[in-house]
C-alpha atoms as a PDB file:
ATOM      1  CA  UNK A   1      -2.455 -26.923   9.257  1.00  0.00           C
ATOM      2  CA  UNK A   2      -0.438 -24.149  10.822  1.00  0.00           C
ATOM      3  CA  UNK A   3       3.264 -24.751  10.481  1.00  0.00           C
ATOM      4  CA  UNK A   4       5.398 -23.879  13.488  1.00  0.00           C
ATOM      5  CA  UNK A   5       8.594 -24.892  15.207  1.00  0.00           C
ATOM      6  CA  UNK A   6       8.200 -26.813  18.468  1.00  0.00           C
ATOM      7  CA  UNK A   7       6.805 -24.636  21.229  1.00  0.00           C
ATOM      8  CA  UNK A   8       6.220 -21.675  18.928  1.00  0.00           C
ATOM      9  CA  UNK A   9       3.097 -19.950  17.766  1.00  0.00           C
ATOM     10  CA  UNK A  10       1.906 -20.733  14.234  1.00  0.00           C
ATOM     11  CA  UNK A  11       3.878 -19.131  11.426  1.00  0.00           C
ATOM     12  CA  UNK A  12       1.668 -20.036   8.468  1.00  0.00           C
ATOM     13  CA  UNK A  13      -2.048 -20.060   7.737  1.00  0.00           C
ATOM     14  CA  UNK A  14      -2.344 -22.632   4.972  1.00  0.00           C
ATOM     15  CA  UNK A  15      -5.674 -24.435   5.057  1.00  0.00           C
ATOM     16  CA  UNK A  16      -6.365 -23.643   8.691  1.00  0.00           C
ATOM     17  CA  UNK A  17      -9.953 -24.103   9.711  1.00  0.00           C
ATOM     18  CA  UNK A  18     -11.083 -24.545   6.113  1.00  0.00           C
ATOM     19  CA  UNK A  19     -14.680 -25.645   6.171  1.00  0.00           C
ATOM     20  CA  UNK A  20     -14.717 -26.011   9.953  1.00  0.00           C
ATOM     21  CA  UNK A  21     -18.070 -25.125  11.464  1.00  0.00           C
ATOM     22  CA  UNK A  22     -18.093 -22.641  14.353  1.00  0.00           C
ATOM     23  CA  UNK A  23     -19.810 -24.261  17.340  1.00  0.00           C
ATOM     24  CA  UNK A  24     -22.298 -22.275  19.357  1.00  0.00           C
ATOM     25  CA  UNK A  25     -20.664 -20.814  22.467  1.00  0.00           C
ATOM     26  CA  UNK A  26     -17.085 -21.388  21.271  1.00  0.00           C
ATOM     27  CA  UNK A  27     -14.482 -20.301  23.833  1.00  0.00           C
ATOM     28  CA  UNK A  28     -13.117 -16.802  23.176  1.00  0.00           C
ATOM     29  CA  UNK A  29      -9.432 -16.344  23.950  1.00  0.00           C
ATOM     30  CA  UNK A  30      -7.568 -13.084  24.153  1.00  0.00           C
ATOM     31  CA  UNK A  31      -3.853 -13.143  24.676  1.00  0.00           C
ATOM     32  CA  UNK A  32      -2.852 -11.384  21.485  1.00  0.00           C
ATOM     33  CA  UNK A  33      -3.916  -8.028  20.050  1.00  0.00           C
ATOM     34  CA  UNK A  34      -7.577  -9.021  19.579  1.00  0.00           C
ATOM     35  CA  UNK A  35      -9.975 -11.534  21.033  1.00  0.00           C
ATOM     36  CA  UNK A  36     -10.101 -14.688  18.919  1.00  0.00           C
ATOM     37  CA  UNK A  37     -13.686 -14.213  17.771  1.00  0.00           C
ATOM     38  CA  UNK A  38     -15.554 -12.498  14.922  1.00  0.00           C
ATOM     39  CA  UNK A  39     -14.193  -8.953  14.868  1.00  0.00           C
ATOM     40  CA  UNK A  40     -16.287  -5.814  14.815  1.00  0.00           C
ATOM     41  CA  UNK A  41     -15.253  -2.480  13.366  1.00  0.00           C
ATOM     42  CA  UNK A  42     -13.864  -1.295  16.703  1.00  0.00           C
ATOM     43  CA  UNK A  43     -11.866  -4.519  17.128  1.00  0.00           C
ATOM     44  CA  UNK A  44     -10.253  -4.086  13.715  1.00  0.00           C
ATOM     45  CA  UNK A  45      -9.408  -0.392  14.042  1.00  0.00           C
ATOM     46  CA  UNK A  46      -8.178  -0.737  17.635  1.00  0.00           C
ATOM     47  CA  UNK A  47      -6.355  -3.989  16.913  1.00  0.00           C
ATOM     48  CA  UNK A  48      -4.344  -2.337  14.146  1.00  0.00           C
ATOM     49  CA  UNK A  49      -2.948   0.143  16.694  1.00  0.00           C
ATOM     50  CA  UNK A  50      -2.286  -2.657  19.172  1.00  0.00           C
ATOM     51  CA  UNK A  51      -0.375  -4.604  16.514  1.00  0.00           C
ATOM     52  CA  UNK A  52       2.095  -1.707  16.282  1.00  0.00           C
ATOM     53  CA  UNK A  53       2.559  -1.600  20.064  1.00  0.00           C
ATOM     54  CA  UNK A  54       2.787  -5.389  20.346  1.00  0.00           C
ATOM     55  CA  UNK A  55       5.863  -5.724  18.139  1.00  0.00           C
ATOM     56  CA  UNK A  56       7.388  -2.250  17.619  1.00  0.00           C
ATOM     57  CA  UNK A  57      10.770  -3.725  16.688  1.00  0.00           C
ATOM     58  CA  UNK A  58       9.299  -5.031  13.425  1.00  0.00           C
ATOM     59  CA  UNK A  59       6.309  -2.749  12.916  1.00  0.00           C
ATOM     60  CA  UNK A  60       8.308   0.445  13.464  1.00  0.00           C
ATOM     61  CA  UNK A  61      12.003  -0.476  13.589  1.00  0.00           C
ATOM     62  CA  UNK A  62      12.172  -2.757  10.560  1.00  0.00           C
ATOM     63  CA  UNK A  63       9.694  -0.530   8.725  1.00  0.00           C
ATOM     64  CA  UNK A  64      11.969   2.455   9.325  1.00  0.00           C
ATOM     65  CA  UNK A  65      14.960   0.554   7.937  1.00  0.00           C
ATOM     66  CA  UNK A  66      13.102  -0.507   4.774  1.00  0.00           C
ATOM     67  CA  UNK A  67      11.645   2.969   4.229  1.00  0.00           C
ATOM     68  CA  UNK A  68      14.969   4.764   4.727  1.00  0.00           C
ATOM     69  CA  UNK A  69      16.779   2.448   2.298  1.00  0.00           C
ATOM     70  CA  UNK A  70      14.132   2.786  -0.408  1.00  0.00           C
ATOM     71  CA  UNK A  71      13.860   6.531   0.225  1.00  0.00           C
ATOM     72  CA  UNK A  72      17.595   7.027  -0.290  1.00  0.00           C
ATOM     73  CA  UNK A  73      17.532   4.896  -3.438  1.00  0.00           C
ATOM     74  CA  UNK A  74      14.510   6.694  -4.879  1.00  0.00           C
ATOM     75  CA  UNK A  75      15.751  10.125  -3.849  1.00  0.00           C
ATOM     76  CA  UNK A  76      18.787  10.022  -6.150  1.00  0.00           C
ATOM     77  CA  UNK A  77      16.959   9.979  -9.527  1.00  0.00           C
ATOM     78  CA  UNK A  78      14.298  12.418  -8.291  1.00  0.00           C
ATOM     79  CA  UNK A  79      16.821  14.952  -6.981  1.00  0.00           C
ATOM     80  CA  UNK A  80      19.046  14.638 -10.071  1.00  0.00           C
ATOM     81  CA  UNK A  81      16.154  15.169 -12.491  1.00  0.00           C
ATOM     82  CA  UNK A  82      14.741  18.046 -10.440  1.00  0.00           C
ATOM     83  CA  UNK A  83      18.051  19.882 -10.207  1.00  0.00           C
ATOM     84  CA  UNK A  84      18.824  19.424 -13.908  1.00  0.00           C
ATOM     85  CA  UNK A  85      15.403  20.654 -15.079  1.00  0.00           C
ATOM     86  CA  UNK A  86      14.515  23.234 -12.409  1.00  0.00           C
ATOM     87  CA  UNK A  87      16.108  26.300 -13.981  1.00  0.00           C
ATOM     88  CA  UNK A  88      14.646  25.542 -17.402  1.00  0.00           C
ATOM     89  CA  UNK A  89      11.165  25.013 -15.993  1.00  0.00           C
ATOM     90  CA  UNK A  90      11.100  28.294 -14.058  1.00  0.00           C
ATOM     91  CA  UNK A  91      12.766  30.314 -16.828  1.00  0.00           C
ATOM     92  CA  UNK A  92      10.725  33.094 -18.414  1.00  0.00           C
ATOM     93  CA  UNK A  93       9.550  32.046 -21.885  1.00  0.00           C
ATOM     94  CA  UNK A  94      11.000  33.970 -24.824  1.00  0.00           C
ATOM     95  CA  UNK A  95       8.212  36.309 -26.002  1.00  0.00           C
ATOM     96  CA  UNK A  96       9.501  36.082 -29.570  1.00  0.00           C
ATOM     97  CA  UNK A  97       9.567  32.286 -29.633  1.00  0.00           C
ATOM     98  CA  UNK A  98       7.094  30.352 -31.739  1.00  0.00           C
ATOM     99  CA  UNK A  99       4.723  27.836 -30.192  1.00  0.00           C
ATOM    100  CA  UNK A 100       6.950  24.929 -31.280  1.00  0.00           C
ATOM    101  CA  UNK A 101      10.059  26.590 -29.856  1.00  0.00           C
ATOM    102  CA  UNK A 102       8.311  27.286 -26.549  1.00  0.00           C
ATOM    103  CA  UNK A 103       7.153  23.686 -26.402  1.00  0.00           C
ATOM    104  CA  UNK A 104      10.675  22.379 -27.062  1.00  0.00           C
ATOM    105  CA  UNK A 105      12.057  24.693 -24.369  1.00  0.00           C
ATOM    106  CA  UNK A 106       9.958  23.044 -21.679  1.00  0.00           C
ATOM    107  CA  UNK A 107       9.316  19.553 -23.094  1.00  0.00           C
ATOM    108  CA  UNK A 108      12.844  18.259 -22.501  1.00  0.00           C
ATOM    109  CA  UNK A 109      13.175  19.425 -18.863  1.00  0.00           C
ATOM    110  CA  UNK A 110       9.645  18.262 -18.078  1.00  0.00           C
ATOM    111  CA  UNK A 111      10.369  14.807 -19.550  1.00  0.00           C
ATOM    112  CA  UNK A 112      13.552  14.629 -17.471  1.00  0.00           C
ATOM    113  CA  UNK A 113      11.647  15.523 -14.307  1.00  0.00           C
ATOM    114  CA  UNK A 114       8.892  13.049 -15.121  1.00  0.00           C
ATOM    115  CA  UNK A 115      11.387  10.259 -15.820  1.00  0.00           C
ATOM    116  CA  UNK A 116      13.239  10.809 -12.549  1.00  0.00           C
ATOM    117  CA  UNK A 117       9.979  10.870 -10.615  1.00  0.00           C
ATOM    118  CA  UNK A 118       8.820   7.664 -12.300  1.00  0.00           C
ATOM    119  CA  UNK A 119      12.036   5.823 -11.433  1.00  0.00           C
ATOM    120  CA  UNK A 120      11.833   7.065  -7.862  1.00  0.00           C
ATOM    121  CA  UNK A 121       8.191   5.981  -7.611  1.00  0.00           C
ATOM    122  CA  UNK A 122       8.996   2.476  -8.887  1.00  0.00           C
ATOM    123  CA  UNK A 123      11.752   2.086  -6.286  1.00  0.00           C
ATOM    124  CA  UNK A 124       9.506   3.415  -3.527  1.00  0.00           C
ATOM    125  CA  UNK A 125       6.690   1.138  -4.693  1.00  0.00           C
ATOM    126  CA  UNK A 126       8.921  -1.935  -4.490  1.00  0.00           C
ATOM    127  CA  UNK A 127       9.925  -0.906  -0.983  1.00  0.00           C
ATOM    128  CA  UNK A 128       6.245  -0.552  -0.120  1.00  0.00           C
ATOM    129  CA  UNK A 129       5.554  -4.104  -1.287  1.00  0.00           C
ATOM    130  CA  UNK A 130       8.388  -5.455   0.882  1.00  0.00           C
ATOM    131  CA  UNK A 131       7.097  -3.464   3.830  1.00  0.00           C
ATOM    132  CA  UNK A 132       3.533  -4.647   3.297  1.00  0.00           C
ATOM    133  CA  UNK A 133       4.598  -8.290   3.386  1.00  0.00           C
ATOM    134  CA  UNK A 134       6.684  -7.735   6.512  1.00  0.00           C
ATOM    135  CA  UNK A 135       3.880  -5.984   8.352  1.00  0.00           C
ATOM    136  CA  UNK A 136       1.189  -8.503   7.402  1.00  0.00           C
ATOM    137  CA  UNK A 137       3.383 -11.345   8.654  1.00  0.00           C
ATOM    138  CA  UNK A 138       4.011  -9.551  11.949  1.00  0.00           C
ATOM    139  CA  UNK A 139       0.323  -8.779  12.513  1.00  0.00           C
ATOM    140  CA  UNK A 140      -0.601 -12.403  11.824  1.00  0.00           C
ATOM    141  CA  UNK A 141       1.754 -13.486  14.604  1.00  0.00           C
ATOM    142  CA  UNK A 142       0.603 -10.751  16.995  1.00  0.00           C
ATOM    143  CA  UNK A 143      -2.935 -12.153  16.786  1.00  0.00           C
ATOM    144  CA  UNK A 144      -1.643 -15.327  18.469  1.00  0.00           C
ATOM    145  CA  UNK A 145       0.482 -13.298  20.912  1.00  0.00           C
ATOM    146  CA  UNK A 146       3.828 -14.039  19.316  1.00  0.00           C
ATOM    147  CA  UNK A 147       6.462 -11.388  18.653  1.00  0.00           C
ATOM    148  CA  UNK A 148       8.181 -12.485  15.494  1.00  0.00           C
ATOM    149  CA  UNK A 149      11.845 -11.493  15.294  1.00  0.00           C
ATOM    150  CA  UNK A 150      13.491  -9.513  12.520  1.00  0.00           C
ATOM    151  CA  UNK A 151      15.243 -12.613  11.167  1.00  0.00           C
ATOM    152  CA  UNK A 152      12.048 -14.684  11.211  1.00  0.00           C
ATOM    153  CA  UNK A 153      10.209 -11.882   9.483  1.00  0.00           C
ATOM    154  CA  UNK A 154      12.694 -11.703   6.626  1.00  0.00           C
ATOM    155  CA  UNK A 155      12.826 -15.480   6.209  1.00  0.00           C
ATOM    156  CA  UNK A 156       9.042 -15.592   6.161  1.00  0.00           C
ATOM    157  CA  UNK A 157       8.556 -12.829   3.596  1.00  0.00           C
ATOM    158  CA  UNK A 158      11.516 -13.092   1.221  1.00  0.00           C
ATOM    159  CA  UNK A 159       9.950 -15.917  -0.764  1.00  0.00           C
ATOM    160  CA  UNK A 160       6.805 -13.811  -1.229  1.00  0.00           C
ATOM    161  CA  UNK A 161       8.456 -10.728  -2.725  1.00  0.00           C
ATOM    162  CA  UNK A 162       8.145 -11.698  -6.399  1.00  0.00           C
ATOM    163  CA  UNK A 163       4.536 -12.868  -5.955  1.00  0.00           C
ATOM    164  CA  UNK A 164       3.751  -9.565  -4.211  1.00  0.00           C
ATOM    165  CA  UNK A 165       5.249  -7.668  -7.147  1.00  0.00           C
ATOM    166  CA  UNK A 166       3.315  -9.815  -9.611  1.00  0.00           C
ATOM    167  CA  UNK A 167       0.084  -9.345  -7.688  1.00  0.00           C
ATOM    168  CA  UNK A 168       0.574  -5.569  -7.541  1.00  0.00           C
ATOM    169  CA  UNK A 169       1.266  -5.372 -11.280  1.00  0.00           C
ATOM    170  CA  UNK A 170      -1.740  -7.529 -12.121  1.00  0.00           C
ATOM    171  CA  UNK A 171      -4.070  -5.453  -9.933  1.00  0.00           C
ATOM    172  CA  UNK A 172      -2.639  -2.238 -11.389  1.00  0.00           C
ATOM    173  CA  UNK A 173      -3.207  -3.445 -14.949  1.00  0.00           C
ATOM    174  CA  UNK A 174      -6.762  -4.527 -14.156  1.00  0.00           C
ATOM    175  CA  UNK A 175      -7.595  -1.222 -12.460  1.00  0.00           C
ATOM    176  CA  UNK A 176      -5.879   1.192 -14.853  1.00  0.00           C
ATOM    177  CA  UNK A 177      -5.778  -0.722 -18.153  1.00  0.00           C
ATOM    178  CA  UNK A 178      -9.487  -0.359 -19.025  1.00  0.00           C
ATOM    179  CA  UNK A 179      -9.312   3.425 -18.513  1.00  0.00           C
ATOM    180  CA  UNK A 180      -6.370   3.667 -20.922  1.00  0.00           C
ATOM    181  CA  UNK A 181      -8.307   1.654 -23.517  1.00  0.00           C
ATOM    182  CA  UNK A 182     -11.403   3.863 -23.068  1.00  0.00           C
ATOM    183  CA  UNK A 183      -9.327   7.027 -23.471  1.00  0.00           C
ATOM    184  CA  UNK A 184      -7.747   5.643 -26.651  1.00  0.00           C
ATOM    185  CA  UNK A 185     -11.110   4.657 -28.139  1.00  0.00           C
ATOM    186  CA  UNK A 186     -12.715   7.969 -27.174  1.00  0.00           C
ATOM    187  CA  UNK A 187      -9.805   9.924 -28.590  1.00  0.00           C
ATOM    188  CA  UNK A 188      -9.932   8.001 -31.861  1.00  0.00           C
ATOM    189  CA  UNK A 189     -13.685   8.562 -32.174  1.00  0.00           C
ATOM    190  CA  UNK A 190     -13.306  12.260 -31.446  1.00  0.00           C
ATOM    191  CA  UNK A 191     -10.500  12.660 -33.973  1.00  0.00           C
ATOM    192  CA  UNK A 192     -11.805  10.558 -36.850  1.00  0.00           C
ATOM    193  CA  UNK A 193     -15.585  10.158 -36.453  1.00  0.00           C
ATOM    194  CA  UNK A 194     -17.463  12.632 -34.269  1.00  0.00           C
ATOM    195  CA  UNK A 195     -16.109  14.760 -31.373  1.00  0.00           C
ATOM    196  CA  UNK A 196     -19.390  14.548 -29.443  1.00  0.00           C
ATOM    197  CA  UNK A 197     -19.487  10.764 -29.785  1.00  0.00           C
ATOM    198  CA  UNK A 198     -15.877  10.541 -28.660  1.00  0.00           C
ATOM    199  CA  UNK A 199     -16.542  12.645 -25.567  1.00  0.00           C
ATOM    200  CA  UNK A 200     -19.691  10.663 -24.720  1.00  0.00           C
ATOM    201  CA  UNK A 201     -17.894   7.324 -25.032  1.00  0.00           C
ATOM    202  CA  UNK A 202     -15.022   8.612 -22.911  1.00  0.00           C
ATOM    203  CA  UNK A 203     -17.216   9.955 -20.106  1.00  0.00           C
ATOM    204  CA  UNK A 204     -19.490   6.901 -19.918  1.00  0.00           C
ATOM    205  CA  UNK A 205     -16.563   4.512 -20.253  1.00  0.00           C
ATOM    206  CA  UNK A 206     -14.508   6.203 -17.531  1.00  0.00           C
ATOM    207  CA  UNK A 207     -17.480   6.173 -15.161  1.00  0.00           C
ATOM    208  CA  UNK A 208     -17.973   2.461 -15.802  1.00  0.00           C
ATOM    209  CA  UNK A 209     -14.281   1.670 -15.322  1.00  0.00           C
ATOM    210  CA  UNK A 210     -14.242   3.739 -12.096  1.00  0.00           C
ATOM    211  CA  UNK A 211     -17.101   1.640 -10.703  1.00  0.00           C
ATOM    212  CA  UNK A 212     -15.327  -1.545 -11.784  1.00  0.00           C
ATOM    213  CA  UNK A 213     -12.067  -0.350 -10.201  1.00  0.00           C
ATOM    214  CA  UNK A 214     -13.796   0.304  -6.863  1.00  0.00           C
ATOM    215  CA  UNK A 215     -15.374  -3.147  -6.970  1.00  0.00           C
ATOM    216  CA  UNK A 216     -12.174  -4.989  -7.854  1.00  0.00           C
ATOM    217  CA  UNK A 217      -9.986  -3.101  -5.385  1.00  0.00           C
ATOM    218  CA  UNK A 218     -12.482  -3.996  -2.652  1.00  0.00           C
ATOM    219  CA  UNK A 219     -12.944  -7.691  -3.399  1.00  0.00           C
ATOM    220  CA  UNK A 220      -9.173  -8.077  -3.895  1.00  0.00           C
ATOM    221  CA  UNK A 221      -8.301  -6.132  -0.741  1.00  0.00           C
ATOM    222  CA  UNK A 222      -7.272  -9.283   1.136  1.00  0.00           C
ATOM    223  CA  UNK A 223      -5.013 -10.466  -1.688  1.00  0.00           C
ATOM    224  CA  UNK A 224      -1.705  -9.415  -0.052  1.00  0.00           C
ATOM    225  CA  UNK A 225      -2.665 -11.037   3.277  1.00  0.00           C
ATOM    226  CA  UNK A 226      -3.648 -14.279   1.543  1.00  0.00           C
ATOM    227  CA  UNK A 227      -0.462 -14.241  -0.531  1.00  0.00           C
ATOM    228  CA  UNK A 228       1.806 -13.814   2.500  1.00  0.00           C
ATOM    229  CA  UNK A 229      -0.002 -15.865   5.133  1.00  0.00           C
ATOM    230  CA  UNK A 230      -1.318 -18.736   3.001  1.00  0.00           C
ATOM    231  CA  UNK A 231       1.598 -18.738   0.527  1.00  0.00           C
ATOM    232  CA  UNK A 232      -0.541 -19.419  -2.530  1.00  0.00           C
ATOM    233  CA  UNK A 233      -0.117 -18.187  -6.109  1.00  0.00           C
ATOM    234  CA  UNK A 234      -1.007 -14.698  -7.316  1.00  0.00           C
ATOM    235  CA  UNK A 235      -4.197 -15.739  -9.122  1.00  0.00           C
ATOM    236  CA  UNK A 236      -5.238 -18.036  -6.277  1.00  0.00           C
ATOM    237  CA  UNK A 237      -4.753 -15.217  -3.755  1.00  0.00           C
ATOM    238  CA  UNK A 238      -7.102 -12.897  -5.653  1.00  0.00           C
ATOM    239  CA  UNK A 239      -9.713 -15.626  -6.065  1.00  0.00           C
ATOM    240  CA  UNK A 240      -9.400 -16.471  -2.387  1.00  0.00           C
ATOM    241  CA  UNK A 241      -9.815 -12.821  -1.389  1.00  0.00           C
ATOM    242  CA  UNK A 242     -12.967 -12.535  -3.475  1.00  0.00           C
ATOM    243  CA  UNK A 243     -14.357 -15.757  -1.978  1.00  0.00           C
ATOM    244  CA  UNK A 244     -13.690 -14.623   1.590  1.00  0.00           C
ATOM    245  CA  UNK A 245     -15.391 -11.284   0.963  1.00  0.00           C
ATOM    246  CA  UNK A 246     -18.430 -12.703  -0.786  1.00  0.00           C
ATOM    247  CA  UNK A 247     -21.573 -11.144   0.680  1.00  0.00           C
ATOM    248  CA  UNK A 248     -19.781  -8.436   2.680  1.00  0.00           C
ATOM    249  CA  UNK A 249     -18.779  -6.021  -0.097  1.00  0.00           C
ATOM    250  CA  UNK A 250     -20.392  -2.926   1.409  1.00  0.00           C
ATOM    251  CA  UNK A 251     -19.085  -3.616   4.901  1.00  0.00           C
ATOM    252  CA  UNK A 252     -15.580  -4.105   3.551  1.00  0.00           C
ATOM    253  CA  UNK A 253     -15.770  -1.001   1.372  1.00  0.00           C
ATOM    254  CA  UNK A 254     -16.988   1.043   4.342  1.00  0.00           C
ATOM    255  CA  UNK A 255     -14.121  -0.159   6.554  1.00  0.00           C
ATOM    256  CA  UNK A 256     -11.573   0.572   3.820  1.00  0.00           C
ATOM    257  CA  UNK A 257     -12.983   4.069   3.230  1.00  0.00           C
ATOM    258  CA  UNK A 258     -13.013   4.842   6.962  1.00  0.00           C
ATOM    259  CA  UNK A 259      -9.440   3.568   7.300  1.00  0.00           C
ATOM    260  CA  UNK A 260      -8.349   5.703   4.353  1.00  0.00           C
ATOM    261  CA  UNK A 261      -9.933   8.774   5.940  1.00  0.00           C
ATOM    262  CA  UNK A 262      -8.189   8.101   9.254  1.00  0.00           C
ATOM    263  CA  UNK A 263      -4.837   7.508   7.576  1.00  0.00           C
ATOM    264  CA  UNK A 264      -5.288  10.517   5.292  1.00  0.00           C
ATOM    265  CA  UNK A 265      -6.009  12.806   8.246  1.00  0.00           C
ATOM    266  CA  UNK A 266      -3.021  11.505  10.201  1.00  0.00           C
ATOM    267  CA  UNK A 267      -0.794  11.828   7.141  1.00  0.00           C
ATOM    268  CA  UNK A 268      -1.839  15.412   6.493  1.00  0.00           C
ATOM    269  CA  UNK A 269      -1.187  16.424  10.083  1.00  0.00           C
ATOM    270  CA  UNK A 270       2.184  14.683  10.336  1.00  0.00           C
ATOM    271  CA  UNK A 271       3.356  15.947   6.937  1.00  0.00           C
ATOM    272  CA  UNK A 272       2.751  19.632   7.694  1.00  0.00           C
ATOM    273  CA  UNK A 273       6.121  20.431   9.377  1.00  0.00           C
ATOM    274  CA  UNK A 274       8.391  18.858   6.763  1.00  0.00           C
ATOM    275  CA  UNK A 275       6.246  20.191   3.907  1.00  0.00           C
ATOM    276  CA  UNK A 276       6.425  23.757   5.207  1.00  0.00           C
ATOM    277  CA  UNK A 277      10.186  23.598   5.764  1.00  0.00           C
ATOM    278  CA  UNK A 278      10.712  22.066   2.323  1.00  0.00           C
ATOM    279  CA  UNK A 279       8.653  24.773   0.610  1.00  0.00           C
ATOM    280  CA  UNK A 280      10.543  27.530   2.437  1.00  0.00           C
ATOM    281  CA  UNK A 281      13.915  26.055   1.449  1.00  0.00           C
ATOM    282  CA  UNK A 282      12.870  25.619  -2.197  1.00  0.00           C
ATOM    283  CA  UNK A 283      11.490  29.165  -2.143  1.00  0.00           C
ATOM    284  CA  UNK A 284      14.887  30.468  -1.019  1.00  0.00           C
ATOM    285  CA  UNK A 285      16.473  28.342  -3.745  1.00  0.00           C
ATOM    286  CA  UNK A 286      14.338  30.064  -6.389  1.00  0.00           C
ATOM    287  CA  UNK A 287      15.632  33.454  -5.227  1.00  0.00           C
ATOM    288  CA  UNK A 288      19.246  32.383  -4.847  1.00  0.00           C
ATOM    289  CA  UNK A 289      21.818  32.741  -7.651  1.00  0.00           C
ATOM    290  CA  UNK A 290      23.408  29.421  -6.635  1.00  0.00           C
ATOM    291  CA  UNK A 291      20.370  27.355  -5.790  1.00  0.00           C
ATOM    292  CA  UNK A 292      21.515  23.768  -6.452  1.00  0.00           C
ATOM    293  CA  UNK A 293      22.434  22.947  -2.860  1.00  0.00           C
ATOM    294  CA  UNK A 294      19.252  24.499  -1.478  1.00  0.00           C
ATOM    295  CA  UNK A 295      17.176  22.583  -4.012  1.00  0.00           C
ATOM    296  CA  UNK A 296      18.718  19.280  -2.951  1.00  0.00           C
ATOM    297  CA  UNK A 297      18.202  20.154   0.728  1.00  0.00           C
ATOM    298  CA  UNK A 298      14.539  21.011   0.078  1.00  0.00           C
ATOM    299  CA  UNK A 299      13.931  17.756  -1.778  1.00  0.00           C
ATOM    300  CA  UNK A 300      15.689  15.719   0.918  1.00  0.00           C
ATOM    301  CA  UNK A 301      13.589  17.337   3.661  1.00  0.00           C
ATOM    302  CA  UNK A 302      10.381  16.596   1.758  1.00  0.00           C
ATOM    303  CA  UNK A 303      11.338  12.978   1.105  1.00  0.00           C
ATOM    304  CA  UNK A 304      12.586  12.266   4.616  1.00  0.00           C
ATOM    305  CA  UNK A 305       9.430  13.813   6.071  1.00  0.00           C
ATOM    306  CA  UNK A 306       7.264  11.662   3.798  1.00  0.00           C
ATOM    307  CA  UNK A 307       9.298   8.579   4.765  1.00  0.00           C
ATOM    308  CA  UNK A 308       8.801   9.183   8.476  1.00  0.00           C
ATOM    309  CA  UNK A 309       5.068   9.615   7.949  1.00  0.00           C
ATOM    310  CA  UNK A 310       5.000   6.343   5.988  1.00  0.00           C
ATOM    311  CA  UNK A 311       6.663   4.514   8.865  1.00  0.00           C
ATOM    312  CA  UNK A 312       3.871   5.664  11.173  1.00  0.00           C
ATOM    313  CA  UNK A 313       0.818   5.114   8.944  1.00  0.00           C
ATOM    314  CA  UNK A 314       1.758   2.107   6.779  1.00  0.00           C
ATOM    315  CA  UNK A 315       1.765  -0.357   9.702  1.00  0.00           C
ATOM    316  CA  UNK A 316      -1.764   0.723  10.571  1.00  0.00           C
ATOM    317  CA  UNK A 317      -3.023   0.034   7.036  1.00  0.00           C
ATOM    318  CA  UNK A 318      -1.373  -3.395   7.040  1.00  0.00           C
ATOM    319  CA  UNK A 319      -2.920  -4.086  10.430  1.00  0.00           C
ATOM    320  CA  UNK A 320      -6.434  -3.319   9.202  1.00  0.00           C
ATOM    321  CA  UNK A 321      -6.050  -5.541   6.116  1.00  0.00           C
ATOM    322  CA  UNK A 322      -4.591  -8.402   8.166  1.00  0.00           C
ATOM    323  CA  UNK A 323      -7.363  -8.232  10.759  1.00  0.00           C
ATOM    324  CA  UNK A 324     -10.027  -8.051   8.045  1.00  0.00           C
ATOM    325  CA  UNK A 325      -8.542 -11.245   6.597  1.00  0.00           C
ATOM    326  CA  UNK A 326      -8.527 -12.985   9.979  1.00  0.00           C
ATOM    327  CA  UNK A 327     -12.085 -11.844  10.707  1.00  0.00           C
ATOM    328  CA  UNK A 328     -13.339 -13.327   7.458  1.00  0.00           C
ATOM    329  CA  UNK A 329     -11.491 -16.598   8.099  1.00  0.00           C
ATOM    330  CA  UNK A 330     -13.105 -16.761  11.540  1.00  0.00           C
ATOM    331  CA  UNK A 331     -16.603 -16.047  10.250  1.00  0.00           C
ATOM    332  CA  UNK A 332     -16.437 -18.265   7.152  1.00  0.00           C
ATOM    333  CA  UNK A 333     -14.133 -21.111   8.179  1.00  0.00           C
ATOM    334  CA  UNK A 334     -14.031 -21.225  11.983  1.00  0.00           C
ATOM    335  CA  UNK A 335     -10.396 -20.149  12.131  1.00  0.00           C
ATOM    336  CA  UNK A 336     -10.869 -19.136  15.778  1.00  0.00           C
ATOM    337  CA  UNK A 337     -11.128 -22.816  16.752  1.00  0.00           C
ATOM    338  CA  UNK A 338      -7.748 -23.637  15.212  1.00  0.00           C
ATOM    339  CA  UNK A 339      -6.092 -20.522  16.609  1.00  0.00           C
ATOM    340  CA  UNK A 340      -7.372 -21.196  20.125  1.00  0.00           C
ATOM    341  CA  UNK A 341      -6.173 -24.782  19.875  1.00  0.00           C
ATOM    342  CA  UNK A 342      -2.742 -23.679  18.625  1.00  0.00           C
ATOM    343  CA  UNK A 343      -2.329 -21.149  21.438  1.00  0.00           C
ATOM    344  CA  UNK A 344      -3.427 -23.721  24.025  1.00  0.00           C
ATOM    345  CA  UNK A 345      -0.853 -26.197  22.716  1.00  0.00           C
ATOM    346  CA  UNK A 346       1.893 -23.566  22.766  1.00  0.00           C
ATOM    347  CA  UNK A 347       1.000 -22.514  26.309  1.00  0.00           C
ATOM    348  CA  UNK A 348       1.084 -26.121  27.523  1.00  0.00           C
END
C-alpha cells in the first residue's frame, strides 16, 4: 500500500492497485495536476507543465541548485583541458612536418580536451540522475495534490541514487555495447578477411542494433519512475517498465518522440543567447594575444547558459515520464481507485 505519515498524501507507490480491476463508471477526482483517470496525450503533455507550476520550489528551485553545483564541478576539468589544449589545436601545422609528427602535434592536446570533456560529462550525468529522481518524486506527489518539501524530497530520493546510477549504466551498456561489438567484428573482417564483407557486416549490424536500441529505450522508459516510486531493484524496475508498457509500444514511442521534439525546440530557442555570446567571446579570444581569461569566460557563459536551459526543460521531461507511468498503472492495475481513496482519506 501507499506509505504516508498521518494526514499526509502518499509518499510511495509500492504495490498500489496491483491487479485491481477498474469498475465501470469509477469516480474521477481532480485536485492535483491531472484528473485521476486514464490519461490522454493532452493530459500528459499539459500535466507535465502543471507539475512545474504546482511545486516550483522543488521543480525549479531545487533543480537549479543541483544543476549549478554539478555545472561548477564539471566546468573545472572542461575549462582546464580546453585552455591547456586550445593554442595547440588552433596552431598552424608545420608544412615540413611528417605525417607522424603532425599527428603527435595534435594528438596530445586533443586527448587532453577529450579527457576533460569526459570527466565533465560524467559529473553532469550524475547530477542529471539526482535531478531525475528528485523530479519524479515531486511529480508523483503533485498528482495527489501534495507539495513535497525540499527535505522530504532529499530523504525520499537519497536511497535511490546508487540504483539510479546502476540502472543508467546498465541501460547504457545494453544500448551502446552491441554497436561497439559490431564495429569491432566489422573492423576485424575488413582488416583480415574481406573489406566488402566487413563493411556489409558493420552496416547491417549497426542497423539492427539501432532498431534494438529504439525498442529497449522505449520499453524501459518507465524504469526511473518505477525505481524511485516503487523502490524496487534495478533489474526489477526494467522488467516492471516492460510489463507496464506491453501492448502500447507505438503509443509510447510516439509520445516520447513528440516530447523530444518539443523539448528540442524549446532548448534550441533558449540556448541561442548564451551560445551567441559564448561564440563571440571565444572568437575574440582567438584574436587576442592573451586569450586565457576570455577563453574561460566564453566556456563559463556556454555552460551556465546550458545549465539554465536544463533547469527549464528537464522538469518537463521528468513530468512526462512520471505521468506515463501513472497512466499505465491506472489502465493496467486500477491505480486510480487507490489514489482516489488515499486523497479522500487525507481530506477527511
